[in-house]
């Protein structure tokens, strides 16, 4: 019973935030959650053991 009440409160809060915006838009992620510039994306890829972004882009392109 308590869990059901908590879920209703959470649903009410989420819907009020979405409906309460001035323009009727849904919640957008913050700027810090965006992908970032190519340099930082490439370095994160290499830190995870993947190939750099520049190399990944050239592999996909066709040779002319």
N, C-alpha and C. Protein backbone atom coordinates (compact mmCIF):
# COMPACT_ATOMS: atom_id res chain seq x y z
N UNK A 1 0.82 -1.19 0.00
CA UNK A 1 0.00 0.00 0.00
C UNK A 1 0.87 1.26 0.00
N UNK A 2 1.91 1.26 0.82
CA UNK A 2 2.79 2.42 0.91
C UNK A 2 3.52 2.64 -0.42
N UNK A 3 3.95 1.56 -1.06
CA UNK A 3 4.65 1.64 -2.33
C UNK A 3 3.75 2.25 -3.41
N UNK A 4 2.49 1.85 -3.41
CA UNK A 4 1.53 2.38 -4.39
C UNK A 4 1.33 3.89 -4.20
N UNK A 5 1.27 4.33 -2.95
CA UNK A 5 1.10 5.75 -2.66
C UNK A 5 2.32 6.54 -3.11
N UNK A 6 3.51 6.00 -2.88
CA UNK A 6 4.74 6.66 -3.32
C UNK A 6 4.78 6.79 -4.83
N UNK A 7 4.37 5.75 -5.54
CA UNK A 7 4.37 5.79 -7.00
C UNK A 7 3.38 6.84 -7.52
N UNK A 8 2.24 6.98 -6.87
CA UNK A 8 1.26 8.00 -7.27
C UNK A 8 1.82 9.40 -7.05
N UNK A 9 2.51 9.60 -5.94
CA UNK A 9 3.10 10.91 -5.67
C UNK A 9 4.17 11.23 -6.71
N UNK A 10 4.99 10.25 -7.03
CA UNK A 10 6.04 10.46 -8.03
C UNK A 10 5.42 10.79 -9.39
N UNK A 11 4.39 10.06 -9.78
CA UNK A 11 3.70 10.33 -11.04
C UNK A 11 3.08 11.72 -11.05
N UNK A 12 2.50 12.14 -9.93
CA UNK A 12 1.90 13.47 -9.84
C UNK A 12 2.95 14.56 -9.97
N UNK A 13 4.10 14.37 -9.35
CA UNK A 13 5.18 15.36 -9.42
C UNK A 13 5.70 15.46 -10.84
N UNK A 14 5.94 14.34 -11.48
CA UNK A 14 6.46 14.36 -12.85
C UNK A 14 5.46 15.03 -13.79
N UNK A 15 4.19 14.68 -13.68
CA UNK A 15 3.20 15.28 -14.57
C UNK A 15 3.03 16.78 -14.31
N UNK A 16 3.14 17.20 -13.06
CA UNK A 16 3.01 18.63 -12.78
C UNK A 16 4.19 19.42 -13.33
N UNK A 17 5.38 18.83 -13.31
CA UNK A 17 6.54 19.51 -13.88
C UNK A 17 6.39 19.63 -15.39
N UNK A 18 5.96 18.57 -16.03
CA UNK A 18 5.80 18.61 -17.49
C UNK A 18 4.69 19.58 -17.87
N UNK A 19 3.57 19.53 -17.19
CA UNK A 19 2.45 20.40 -17.52
C UNK A 19 2.69 21.84 -17.06
N UNK A 20 3.55 22.03 -16.10
CA UNK A 20 3.78 23.35 -15.54
C UNK A 20 4.72 24.22 -16.32
N UNK A 21 5.38 23.70 -17.34
CA UNK A 21 6.29 24.54 -18.10
C UNK A 21 5.50 25.57 -18.89
N UNK A 22 6.10 26.68 -19.16
CA UNK A 22 5.40 27.79 -19.82
C UNK A 22 4.98 27.44 -21.24
N UNK A 23 5.79 26.68 -21.93
CA UNK A 23 5.55 26.41 -23.34
C UNK A 23 5.01 25.02 -23.62
N UNK A 24 4.77 24.24 -22.59
CA UNK A 24 4.26 22.90 -22.77
C UNK A 24 5.31 21.92 -23.26
N UNK A 25 6.58 22.28 -23.10
CA UNK A 25 7.66 21.41 -23.53
C UNK A 25 7.95 20.38 -22.46
N UNK A 26 8.51 19.27 -22.87
CA UNK A 26 8.92 18.27 -21.90
C UNK A 26 10.28 18.66 -21.31
N UNK A 27 10.71 17.95 -20.31
CA UNK A 27 11.96 18.24 -19.63
C UNK A 27 13.13 17.96 -20.58
N UNK A 28 14.04 18.92 -20.69
CA UNK A 28 15.23 18.75 -21.51
C UNK A 28 16.44 18.46 -20.63
N UNK A 29 17.40 17.68 -21.12
CA UNK A 29 18.61 17.44 -20.31
C UNK A 29 19.43 18.72 -20.18
N UNK A 30 20.21 18.79 -19.14
CA UNK A 30 21.03 19.97 -18.93
C UNK A 30 22.17 20.02 -19.94
N UNK A 31 22.81 21.17 -20.05
CA UNK A 31 23.90 21.37 -21.01
C UNK A 31 25.05 20.40 -20.73
N UNK A 32 25.29 20.11 -19.48
CA UNK A 32 26.38 19.21 -19.11
C UNK A 32 26.19 17.78 -19.59
N UNK A 33 24.97 17.42 -19.98
CA UNK A 33 24.70 16.07 -20.47
C UNK A 33 24.81 15.96 -21.98
N UNK A 34 25.10 17.05 -22.66
CA UNK A 34 25.26 16.98 -24.11
C UNK A 34 26.57 16.28 -24.45
N UNK A 35 26.71 15.92 -25.70
CA UNK A 35 27.84 15.11 -26.13
C UNK A 35 29.17 15.83 -25.98
N UNK A 36 29.24 17.10 -26.31
CA UNK A 36 30.48 17.86 -26.19
C UNK A 36 31.17 18.04 -27.53
N UNK A 37 32.33 18.71 -27.49
CA UNK A 37 33.07 18.95 -28.73
C UNK A 37 33.78 17.67 -29.17
N UNK A 38 34.16 17.64 -30.43
CA UNK A 38 34.78 16.43 -31.00
C UNK A 38 36.03 16.00 -30.24
N UNK A 39 36.80 16.98 -29.78
CA UNK A 39 38.03 16.65 -29.06
C UNK A 39 37.73 15.83 -27.81
N UNK A 40 36.76 16.27 -27.02
CA UNK A 40 36.45 15.55 -25.78
C UNK A 40 35.79 14.21 -26.06
N UNK A 41 34.96 14.14 -27.10
CA UNK A 41 34.34 12.87 -27.48
C UNK A 41 35.41 11.87 -27.88
N UNK A 42 36.38 12.33 -28.69
CA UNK A 42 37.45 11.46 -29.14
C UNK A 42 38.29 10.95 -27.97
N UNK A 43 38.60 11.81 -27.03
CA UNK A 43 39.41 11.40 -25.89
C UNK A 43 38.66 10.43 -24.97
N UNK A 44 37.35 10.63 -24.82
CA UNK A 44 36.57 9.68 -24.03
C UNK A 44 36.54 8.32 -24.72
N UNK A 45 36.42 8.32 -26.05
CA UNK A 45 36.42 7.06 -26.79
C UNK A 45 37.75 6.32 -26.60
N UNK A 46 38.85 7.04 -26.70
CA UNK A 46 40.16 6.41 -26.55
C UNK A 46 40.39 5.93 -25.12
N UNK A 47 39.84 6.63 -24.16
CA UNK A 47 39.97 6.21 -22.76
C UNK A 47 39.22 4.91 -22.51
N UNK A 48 38.17 4.66 -23.30
CA UNK A 48 37.40 3.42 -23.17
C UNK A 48 37.97 2.30 -24.03
N UNK A 49 39.07 2.57 -24.73
CA UNK A 49 39.71 1.54 -25.54
C UNK A 49 39.21 1.46 -26.97
N UNK A 50 38.42 2.43 -27.39
CA UNK A 50 37.93 2.45 -28.77
C UNK A 50 38.87 3.28 -29.62
N UNK A 51 38.65 3.24 -30.94
CA UNK A 51 39.49 4.05 -31.83
C UNK A 51 39.05 5.50 -31.76
N UNK A 52 39.94 6.41 -32.15
CA UNK A 52 39.62 7.84 -32.07
C UNK A 52 38.48 8.19 -33.01
N UNK A 53 37.84 9.30 -32.75
CA UNK A 53 36.70 9.74 -33.55
C UNK A 53 37.11 10.03 -34.98
N UNK A 54 38.29 10.62 -35.18
CA UNK A 54 38.76 10.92 -36.53
C UNK A 54 38.94 9.65 -37.34
N UNK A 55 39.55 8.64 -36.74
CA UNK A 55 39.76 7.38 -37.43
C UNK A 55 38.43 6.67 -37.70
N UNK A 56 37.51 6.74 -36.75
CA UNK A 56 36.20 6.11 -36.93
C UNK A 56 35.45 6.76 -38.07
N UNK A 57 35.57 8.07 -38.21
CA UNK A 57 34.88 8.77 -39.29
C UNK A 57 35.50 8.46 -40.64
N UNK A 58 36.82 8.33 -40.71
CA UNK A 58 37.46 8.05 -42.00
C UNK A 58 37.23 6.61 -42.44
N UNK A 59 37.08 5.70 -41.50
CA UNK A 59 36.80 4.30 -41.85
C UNK A 59 35.45 4.18 -42.52
N UNK A 60 34.47 4.94 -42.09
CA UNK A 60 33.14 4.87 -42.64
C UNK A 60 33.04 5.52 -44.02
N UNK A 61 33.88 6.52 -44.29
CA UNK A 61 33.75 7.25 -45.55
C UNK A 61 34.26 6.41 -46.72
N UNK A 62 33.75 6.71 -47.90
CA UNK A 62 34.18 5.99 -49.08
C UNK A 62 35.45 6.60 -49.62
N UNK A 63 36.27 5.77 -50.19
CA UNK A 63 37.53 6.23 -50.80
C UNK A 63 37.23 6.66 -52.23
N UNK A 64 37.62 7.85 -52.58
CA UNK A 64 37.39 8.34 -53.94
C UNK A 64 38.68 8.62 -54.64
